[in-house]
C-alpha atoms as a PDB file:
ATOM      1  CA  MET A   1      91.601 117.621  79.972  1.00  0.00           C
ATOM      2  CA  ALA A   2      90.194 118.243  83.393  1.00  0.00           C
ATOM      3  CA  GLY A   3      88.748 116.238  85.615  1.00  0.00           C
ATOM      4  CA  LYS A   4      86.863 115.578  88.942  1.00  0.00           C
ATOM      5  CA  ILE A   5      88.905 114.496  92.043  1.00  0.00           C
ATOM      6  CA  LEU A   6      88.034 114.057  95.553  1.00  0.00           C
ATOM      7  CA  ILE A   7      90.801 114.777  98.156  1.00  0.00           C
ATOM      8  CA  ALA A   8      89.677 112.968 101.447  1.00  0.00           C
ATOM      9  CA  LYS A   9      91.161 112.252 104.619  1.00  0.00           C
ATOM     10  CA  PRO A  10      89.990 108.979 106.296  1.00  0.00           C
ATOM     11  CA  GLY A  11      90.312 107.781 109.984  1.00  0.00           C
ATOM     12  CA  LEU A  12      91.492 110.179 112.832  1.00  0.00           C
ATOM     13  CA  ASP A  13      94.220 111.984 111.200  1.00  0.00           C
ATOM     14  CA  GLY A  14      93.736 115.985 111.765  1.00  0.00           C
ATOM     15  CA  HIS A  15      96.888 116.872 109.723  1.00  0.00           C
ATOM     16  CA  ASP A  16      95.691 118.122 106.621  1.00  0.00           C
ATOM     17  CA  ARG A  17      98.245 121.110 105.280  1.00  0.00           C
ATOM     18  CA  GLY A  18      99.502 118.496 102.427  1.00  0.00           C
ATOM     19  CA  ALA A  19      96.245 117.876 101.486  1.00  0.00           C
ATOM     20  CA  ARG A  20      95.024 121.198 101.444  1.00  0.00           C
ATOM     21  CA  MET A  21      98.053 122.003  99.188  1.00  0.00           C
ATOM     22  CA  VAL A  22      97.687 119.449  96.707  1.00  0.00           C
ATOM     23  CA  VAL A  23      93.932 120.668  96.465  1.00  0.00           C
ATOM     24  CA  ARG A  24      95.254 124.430  95.796  1.00  0.00           C
ATOM     25  CA  SER A  25      97.774 122.766  93.363  1.00  0.00           C
ATOM     26  CA  LEU A  26      95.332 120.480  91.019  1.00  0.00           C
ATOM     27  CA  ARG A  27      92.626 123.356  91.321  1.00  0.00           C
ATOM     28  CA  ASP A  28      95.352 125.582  89.597  1.00  0.00           C
ATOM     29  CA  ALA A  29      95.850 123.356  86.884  1.00  0.00           C
ATOM     30  CA  GLY A  30      92.034 123.202  86.213  1.00  0.00           C
ATOM     31  CA  PHE A  31      90.966 120.370  87.870  1.00  0.00           C
ATOM     32  CA  GLU A  32      87.613 120.889  89.523  1.00  0.00           C
ATOM     33  CA  VAL A  33      88.466 119.403  93.034  1.00  0.00           C
ATOM     34  CA  ASP A  34      86.643 118.862  96.343  1.00  0.00           C
ATOM     35  CA  TYR A  35      87.832 118.327  99.598  1.00  0.00           C
ATOM     36  CA  THR A  36      86.440 116.604 102.331  1.00  0.00           C
ATOM     37  CA  GLY A  37      88.035 117.505 105.165  1.00  0.00           C
ATOM     38  CA  ILE A  38      89.638 115.575 108.202  1.00  0.00           C
ATOM     39  CA  ARG A  39      88.231 112.580 109.966  1.00  0.00           C
ATOM     40  CA  ARG A  40      86.290 111.078 107.402  1.00  0.00           C
ATOM     41  CA  THR A  41      84.442 107.387 107.482  1.00  0.00           C
ATOM     42  CA  PRO A  42      85.065 105.148 104.299  1.00  0.00           C
ATOM     43  CA  GLU A  43      81.889 105.393 103.991  1.00  0.00           C
ATOM     44  CA  GLU A  44      81.521 108.985 104.391  1.00  0.00           C
ATOM     45  CA  ILE A  45      84.305 109.218 101.588  1.00  0.00           C
ATOM     46  CA  ALA A  46      82.477 106.797  98.966  1.00  0.00           C
ATOM     47  CA  VAL A  47      79.449 108.898  99.305  1.00  0.00           C
ATOM     48  CA  HIS A  48      81.145 112.006  98.729  1.00  0.00           C
ATOM     49  CA  ALA A  49      82.805 110.760  95.616  1.00  0.00           C
ATOM     50  CA  GLU A  50      79.475 109.366  94.530  1.00  0.00           C
ATOM     51  CA  GLU A  51      77.849 112.469  94.994  1.00  0.00           C
ATOM     52  CA  PHE A  52      80.312 114.891  93.613  1.00  0.00           C
ATOM     53  CA  GLY A  53      80.719 111.957  90.574  1.00  0.00           C
ATOM     54  CA  ALA A  54      84.640 111.944  91.437  1.00  0.00           C
ATOM     55  CA  GLU A  55      86.817 110.640  88.362  1.00  0.00           C
ATOM     56  CA  LEU A  56      90.076 109.921  91.415  1.00  0.00           C
ATOM     57  CA  VAL A  57      89.765 109.913  95.115  1.00  0.00           C
ATOM     58  CA  GLY A  58      93.286 111.052  96.706  1.00  0.00           C
ATOM     59  CA  LEU A  59      93.593 109.892 100.099  1.00  0.00           C
ATOM     60  CA  SER A  60      95.740 111.440 102.331  1.00  0.00           C
ATOM     61  CA  ILE A  61      97.121 109.278 105.620  1.00  0.00           C
ATOM     62  CA  LEU A  62      99.740 110.488 107.756  1.00  0.00           C
ATOM     63  CA  SER A  63      98.507 107.992 110.517  1.00  0.00           C
ATOM     64  CA  GLY A  64     100.356 104.880 109.748  1.00  0.00           C
ATOM     65  CA  ALA A  65      96.630 103.316 109.050  1.00  0.00           C
ATOM     66  CA  HIS A  66      96.699 102.951 105.234  1.00  0.00           C
ATOM     67  CA  MET A  67      96.632  99.181 104.803  1.00  0.00           C
ATOM     68  CA  GLU A  68      93.504  99.438 106.822  1.00  0.00           C
ATOM     69  CA  LEU A  69      91.612 102.206 105.806  1.00  0.00           C
ATOM     70  CA  VAL A  70      92.709 101.968 101.757  1.00  0.00           C
ATOM     71  CA  PRO A  71      90.832  98.665 101.251  1.00  0.00           C
ATOM     72  CA  ARG A  72      87.998  99.804 103.233  1.00  0.00           C
ATOM     73  CA  VAL A  73      87.668 103.114 100.878  1.00  0.00           C
ATOM     74  CA  MET A  74      88.010 101.190  97.980  1.00  0.00           C
ATOM     75  CA  ASP A  75      85.169  98.593  99.224  1.00  0.00           C
ATOM     76  CA  ALA A  76      82.972 101.456 100.272  1.00  0.00           C
ATOM     77  CA  LEU A  77      83.462 102.621  96.706  1.00  0.00           C
ATOM     78  CA  ALA A  78      82.947  99.200  95.291  1.00  0.00           C
ATOM     79  CA  ASN A  79      79.425  98.959  97.335  1.00  0.00           C
ATOM     80  CA  ARG A  80      78.361 102.314  95.186  1.00  0.00           C
ATOM     81  CA  GLY A  81      79.457 101.017  91.844  1.00  0.00           C
ATOM     82  CA  MET A  82      82.599 103.111  91.649  1.00  0.00           C
ATOM     83  CA  ASP A  83      85.193 100.133  91.517  1.00  0.00           C
ATOM     84  CA  THR A  84      86.739 101.555  88.492  1.00  0.00           C
ATOM     85  CA  VAL A  85      87.123 105.026  89.925  1.00  0.00           C
ATOM     86  CA  PRO A  86      91.281 105.401  90.108  1.00  0.00           C
ATOM     87  CA  VAL A  87      92.731 106.044  94.052  1.00  0.00           C
ATOM     88  CA  ALA A  88      95.478 108.170  94.950  1.00  0.00           C
ATOM     89  CA  LEU A  89      97.287 107.968  97.932  1.00  0.00           C
ATOM     90  CA  GLY A  90      99.449 110.035  99.869  1.00  0.00           C
ATOM     91  CA  GLY A  91     100.893 110.442 103.055  1.00  0.00           C
ATOM     92  CA  ILE A  92     103.790 108.345 105.127  1.00  0.00           C
ATOM     93  CA  ILE A  93     103.707 105.533 103.624  1.00  0.00           C
ATOM     94  CA  PRO A  94     106.535 102.997 104.285  1.00  0.00           C
ATOM     95  CA  GLU A  95     108.572 101.313 101.159  1.00  0.00           C
ATOM     96  CA  HIS A  96     107.398  97.413 102.316  1.00  0.00           C
ATOM     97  CA  ASP A  97     103.696  98.708 102.025  1.00  0.00           C
ATOM     98  CA  ARG A  98     103.931  99.809  99.093  1.00  0.00           C
ATOM     99  CA  ALA A  99     103.641  97.185  96.535  1.00  0.00           C
ATOM    100  CA  ALA A 100     100.664  95.479  98.239  1.00  0.00           C
ATOM    101  CA  LEU A 101      98.697  98.810  97.946  1.00  0.00           C
ATOM    102  CA  LEU A 102      99.528  98.711  94.419  1.00  0.00           C
ATOM    103  CA  GLU A 103      98.429  95.199  94.003  1.00  0.00           C
ATOM    104  CA  MET A 104      95.355  96.204  95.624  1.00  0.00           C
ATOM    105  CA  GLY A 105      94.772  98.649  92.986  1.00  0.00           C
ATOM    106  CA  VAL A 106      96.115 102.042  94.051  1.00  0.00           C
ATOM    107  CA  VAL A 107      97.520 103.853  91.118  1.00  0.00           C
ATOM    108  CA  ALA A 108      99.877 106.037  92.633  1.00  0.00           C
ATOM    109  CA  ILE A 109     101.493 106.715  95.863  1.00  0.00           C
ATOM    110  CA  PHE A 110     103.083 110.063  96.823  1.00  0.00           C
ATOM    111  CA  GLY A 111     105.297 110.305  99.969  1.00  0.00           C
ATOM    112  CA  PRO A 112     106.788 113.898 101.637  1.00  0.00           C
ATOM    113  CA  GLY A 113     107.906 116.314  99.558  1.00  0.00           C
ATOM    114  CA  ALA A 114     106.539 114.935  96.486  1.00  0.00           C
ATOM    115  CA  ARG A 115     106.585 117.354  93.841  1.00  0.00           C
ATOM    116  CA  THR A 116     102.766 119.028  92.712  1.00  0.00           C
ATOM    117  CA  GLU A 117     104.201 118.664  89.179  1.00  0.00           C
ATOM    118  CA  ASP A 118     104.648 114.837  89.941  1.00  0.00           C
ATOM    119  CA  ILE A 119     101.205 114.166  91.215  1.00  0.00           C
ATOM    120  CA  ARG A 120      99.372 116.664  88.697  1.00  0.00           C
ATOM    121  CA  ALA A 121     100.903 114.302  85.838  1.00  0.00           C
ATOM    122  CA  ALA A 122      99.863 110.981  87.632  1.00  0.00           C
ATOM    123  CA  ILE A 123      96.629 112.176  87.928  1.00  0.00           C
ATOM    124  CA  GLU A 124      96.443 113.341  84.914  1.00  0.00           C
ATOM    125  CA  ALA A 125      97.027 110.194  83.582  1.00  0.00           C
ATOM    126  CA  ALA A 126      94.926 108.124  85.716  1.00  0.00           C
ATOM    127  CA  ILE A 127      91.980 110.137  85.005  1.00  0.00           C
ATOM    128  CA  ALA A 128      92.856 110.012  81.401  1.00  0.00           C
ATOM    129  CA  ALA A 129      92.704 106.233  81.709  1.00  0.00           C
ATOM    130  CA  TYR A 130      89.231 106.414  83.958  1.00  0.00           C
ATOM    131  CA  GLN A 131      87.367 108.694  81.079  1.00  0.00           C
ATOM    132  CA  ARG A 132      88.858 106.245  78.371  1.00  0.00           C
ATOM    133  CA  GLY A 133      87.189 102.678  80.088  1.00  0.00           C
ATOM    134  CA  GLN A 134      84.026 105.136  80.597  1.00  0.00           C
ATOM    135  CA  ALA A 135      83.637 105.666  76.511  1.00  0.00           C
END
């Protein structure tokens, strides 16, 4: 059960080593993964997700702007009819922001040092739930 995953770096954050490592790990696990590169707007991410047919959007945010960028990406996805596509988040996310992000609809949050096996398992579960909802 592979799926199509878009990994994106919204905002001005230019550090993408972790995002590229996740991309490689997910590809090795059999997922079809596309990576937007750095410094993408929420609208660019939504367009890319739609064109790619993403079944999950993974956002990597290390800049501290997650409480601003995540809702904007989710709104941009909704504006394209992709409001049911799961969104996962990785980066420097303070504990006090995690509950609000999960309430917004983020399906998983990963911090520094997250194990790639845990990331793959959570993403696989989110894509499976998404695919069941599409049937």
